[in-house]
Amino acid sequence: MRIGKVIGNIWATRKEEKLSGLKLLIIQPVNIVTKELDGAPLVSADIIGAGIGETVIFVSGSSARGAVGDVQTPVDATVVGIVDDLEIDSALI
């Protein structure tokens, strides 16, 4: 699981049939410790109703496909949680 910030929505009227009904978001991965950007933005399926500006938990690979309920669905990332708050003990970093 990784942390990211929702920076946009994406719509595709023509897409693989198994993507029908899935909301698609643009996620900017964030380093959990430094809270700085961590790589290029990515497209993610959203199964929980996240919105622009929210910090989210997302999974990738087979976990992303499993989260949408069908391992044959062609997704690389899926939002599985919205972060309310996070706390990291700086003495352990």
C-alpha atoms as a PDB file:
ATOM      1  CA  MET A   1       0.000   0.000   0.000  1.00  0.00           C
ATOM      2  CA  ARG A   2       1.108   3.527  -0.746  1.00  0.00           C
ATOM      3  CA  ILE A   3      -0.064   7.051   0.008  1.00  0.00           C
ATOM      4  CA  GLY A   4      -1.037   9.557  -2.661  1.00  0.00           C
ATOM      5  CA  LYS A   5      -2.938  12.750  -3.308  1.00  0.00           C
ATOM      6  CA  VAL A   6      -5.886  12.867  -5.711  1.00  0.00           C
ATOM      7  CA  ILE A   7      -5.010  15.561  -8.250  1.00  0.00           C
ATOM      8  CA  GLY A   8      -7.674  14.945 -10.871  1.00  0.00           C
ATOM      9  CA  ASN A   9     -10.370  12.884 -12.515  1.00  0.00           C
ATOM     10  CA  ILE A  10     -10.140  11.151 -15.850  1.00  0.00           C
ATOM     11  CA  TRP A  11     -13.009  10.127 -18.116  1.00  0.00           C
ATOM     12  CA  ALA A  12     -12.915   7.680 -21.000  1.00  0.00           C
ATOM     13  CA  THR A  13     -16.114   7.055 -22.914  1.00  0.00           C
ATOM     14  CA  ARG A  14     -14.483   4.252 -24.921  1.00  0.00           C
ATOM     15  CA  LYS A  15     -12.672   1.736 -22.770  1.00  0.00           C
ATOM     16  CA  GLU A  16     -12.227  -1.951 -22.009  1.00  0.00           C
ATOM     17  CA  GLU A  17     -15.606  -3.391 -21.018  1.00  0.00           C
ATOM     18  CA  LYS A  18     -14.377  -4.466 -17.555  1.00  0.00           C
ATOM     19  CA  LEU A  19     -13.615  -0.823 -16.735  1.00  0.00           C
ATOM     20  CA  SER A  20     -17.266   0.176 -17.187  1.00  0.00           C
ATOM     21  CA  GLY A  21     -18.685   1.590 -13.969  1.00  0.00           C
ATOM     22  CA  LEU A  22     -15.281   2.309 -12.429  1.00  0.00           C
ATOM     23  CA  LYS A  23     -14.447   5.884 -11.458  1.00  0.00           C
ATOM     24  CA  LEU A  24     -10.914   6.791 -12.548  1.00  0.00           C
ATOM     25  CA  LEU A  25      -8.692   9.248 -10.684  1.00  0.00           C
ATOM     26  CA  ILE A  26      -5.262  10.764 -11.237  1.00  0.00           C
ATOM     27  CA  ILE A  27      -3.115  10.094  -8.168  1.00  0.00           C
ATOM     28  CA  GLN A  28       0.190  11.747  -7.284  1.00  0.00           C
ATOM     29  CA  PRO A  29       2.189   9.343  -5.076  1.00  0.00           C
ATOM     30  CA  VAL A  30       3.602  10.971  -1.933  1.00  0.00           C
ATOM     31  CA  ASN A  31       6.538   9.905   0.250  1.00  0.00           C
ATOM     32  CA  ILE A  32       4.932   8.933   3.559  1.00  0.00           C
ATOM     33  CA  VAL A  33       7.850  10.282   5.633  1.00  0.00           C
ATOM     34  CA  THR A  34       8.783  13.526   3.850  1.00  0.00           C
ATOM     35  CA  LYS A  35       5.283  14.154   2.407  1.00  0.00           C
ATOM     36  CA  GLU A  36       6.995  15.212  -0.846  1.00  0.00           C
ATOM     37  CA  LEU A  37       6.007  14.052  -4.330  1.00  0.00           C
ATOM     38  CA  ASP A  38       7.241  10.531  -5.058  1.00  0.00           C
ATOM     39  CA  GLY A  39       7.289   9.773  -8.781  1.00  0.00           C
ATOM     40  CA  ALA A  40       5.007  10.422 -11.705  1.00  0.00           C
ATOM     41  CA  PRO A  41       1.216  10.704 -11.365  1.00  0.00           C
ATOM     42  CA  LEU A  42      -0.801   7.600 -12.246  1.00  0.00           C
ATOM     43  CA  VAL A  43      -4.338   6.609 -13.163  1.00  0.00           C
ATOM     44  CA  SER A  44      -6.148   4.654 -10.474  1.00  0.00           C
ATOM     45  CA  ALA A  45      -9.539   3.013 -10.148  1.00  0.00           C
ATOM     46  CA  ASP A  46     -11.558   4.373  -7.216  1.00  0.00           C
ATOM     47  CA  ILE A  47     -13.880   1.999  -5.362  1.00  0.00           C
ATOM     48  CA  ILE A  48     -14.572   4.199  -2.338  1.00  0.00           C
ATOM     49  CA  GLY A  49     -15.539   7.631  -3.680  1.00  0.00           C
ATOM     50  CA  ALA A  50     -12.425   9.747  -3.107  1.00  0.00           C
ATOM     51  CA  GLY A  51     -12.266  13.290  -4.448  1.00  0.00           C
ATOM     52  CA  ILE A  52      -9.746  15.845  -5.664  1.00  0.00           C
ATOM     53  CA  GLY A  53      -7.447  17.075  -2.897  1.00  0.00           C
ATOM     54  CA  GLU A  54      -7.879  14.048  -0.644  1.00  0.00           C
ATOM     55  CA  THR A  55      -4.973  11.980   0.604  1.00  0.00           C
ATOM     56  CA  VAL A  56      -5.609   8.329  -0.174  1.00  0.00           C
ATOM     57  CA  ILE A  57      -4.228   4.836   0.303  1.00  0.00           C
ATOM     58  CA  PHE A  58      -3.800   2.945  -2.955  1.00  0.00           C
ATOM     59  CA  VAL A  59      -2.635  -0.514  -3.911  1.00  0.00           C
ATOM     60  CA  SER A  60      -1.052  -1.716  -7.130  1.00  0.00           C
ATOM     61  CA  GLY A  61      -0.557  -4.893  -9.130  1.00  0.00           C
ATOM     62  CA  SER A  62      -2.631  -7.957  -8.301  1.00  0.00           C
ATOM     63  CA  SER A  63      -3.892  -6.268  -5.113  1.00  0.00           C
ATOM     64  CA  ALA A  64      -5.394  -3.504  -7.278  1.00  0.00           C
ATOM     65  CA  ARG A  65      -7.164  -6.017  -9.487  1.00  0.00           C
ATOM     66  CA  GLY A  66      -8.414  -7.974  -6.478  1.00  0.00           C
ATOM     67  CA  ALA A  67      -9.727  -4.802  -4.855  1.00  0.00           C
ATOM     68  CA  VAL A  68     -12.059  -4.115  -7.801  1.00  0.00           C
ATOM     69  CA  GLY A  69     -13.423  -7.638  -7.427  1.00  0.00           C
ATOM     70  CA  ASP A  70     -12.101  -9.295 -10.585  1.00  0.00           C
ATOM     71  CA  VAL A  71      -8.456 -10.200 -11.135  1.00  0.00           C
ATOM     72  CA  GLN A  72      -9.080  -9.943 -14.893  1.00  0.00           C
ATOM     73  CA  THR A  73      -9.895  -6.209 -14.707  1.00  0.00           C
ATOM     74  CA  PRO A  74      -7.057  -4.246 -16.370  1.00  0.00           C
ATOM     75  CA  VAL A  75      -6.089  -1.861 -13.554  1.00  0.00           C
ATOM     76  CA  ASP A  76      -2.621  -1.129 -12.176  1.00  0.00           C
ATOM     77  CA  ALA A  77      -3.755   0.869  -9.129  1.00  0.00           C
ATOM     78  CA  THR A  78      -6.887   1.096  -6.980  1.00  0.00           C
ATOM     79  CA  VAL A  79      -7.775   3.573  -4.225  1.00  0.00           C
ATOM     80  CA  VAL A  80      -8.780   1.558  -1.147  1.00  0.00           C
ATOM     81  CA  GLY A  81      -8.886   4.187   1.615  1.00  0.00           C
ATOM     82  CA  ILE A  82      -9.099   7.878   2.410  1.00  0.00           C
ATOM     83  CA  VAL A  83      -6.563   9.104   4.970  1.00  0.00           C
ATOM     84  CA  ASP A  84      -8.088  11.109   7.834  1.00  0.00           C
ATOM     85  CA  ASP A  85      -4.775  11.693   9.583  1.00  0.00           C
ATOM     86  CA  LEU A  86      -1.359  10.119   9.934  1.00  0.00           C
ATOM     87  CA  GLU A  87       1.309  10.276  12.589  1.00  0.00           C
ATOM     88  CA  ILE A  88       4.891   9.119  12.302  1.00  0.00           C
ATOM     89  CA  ASP A  89       7.258   8.865  15.260  1.00  0.00           C
ATOM     90  CA  SER A  90      10.228  10.943  14.090  1.00  0.00           C
ATOM     91  CA  ALA A  91      12.512   9.157  16.564  1.00  0.00           C
ATOM     92  CA  LEU A  92      12.108   5.967  14.541  1.00  0.00           C
ATOM     93  CA  ILE A  93      13.076   7.481  11.192  1.00  0.00           C
END
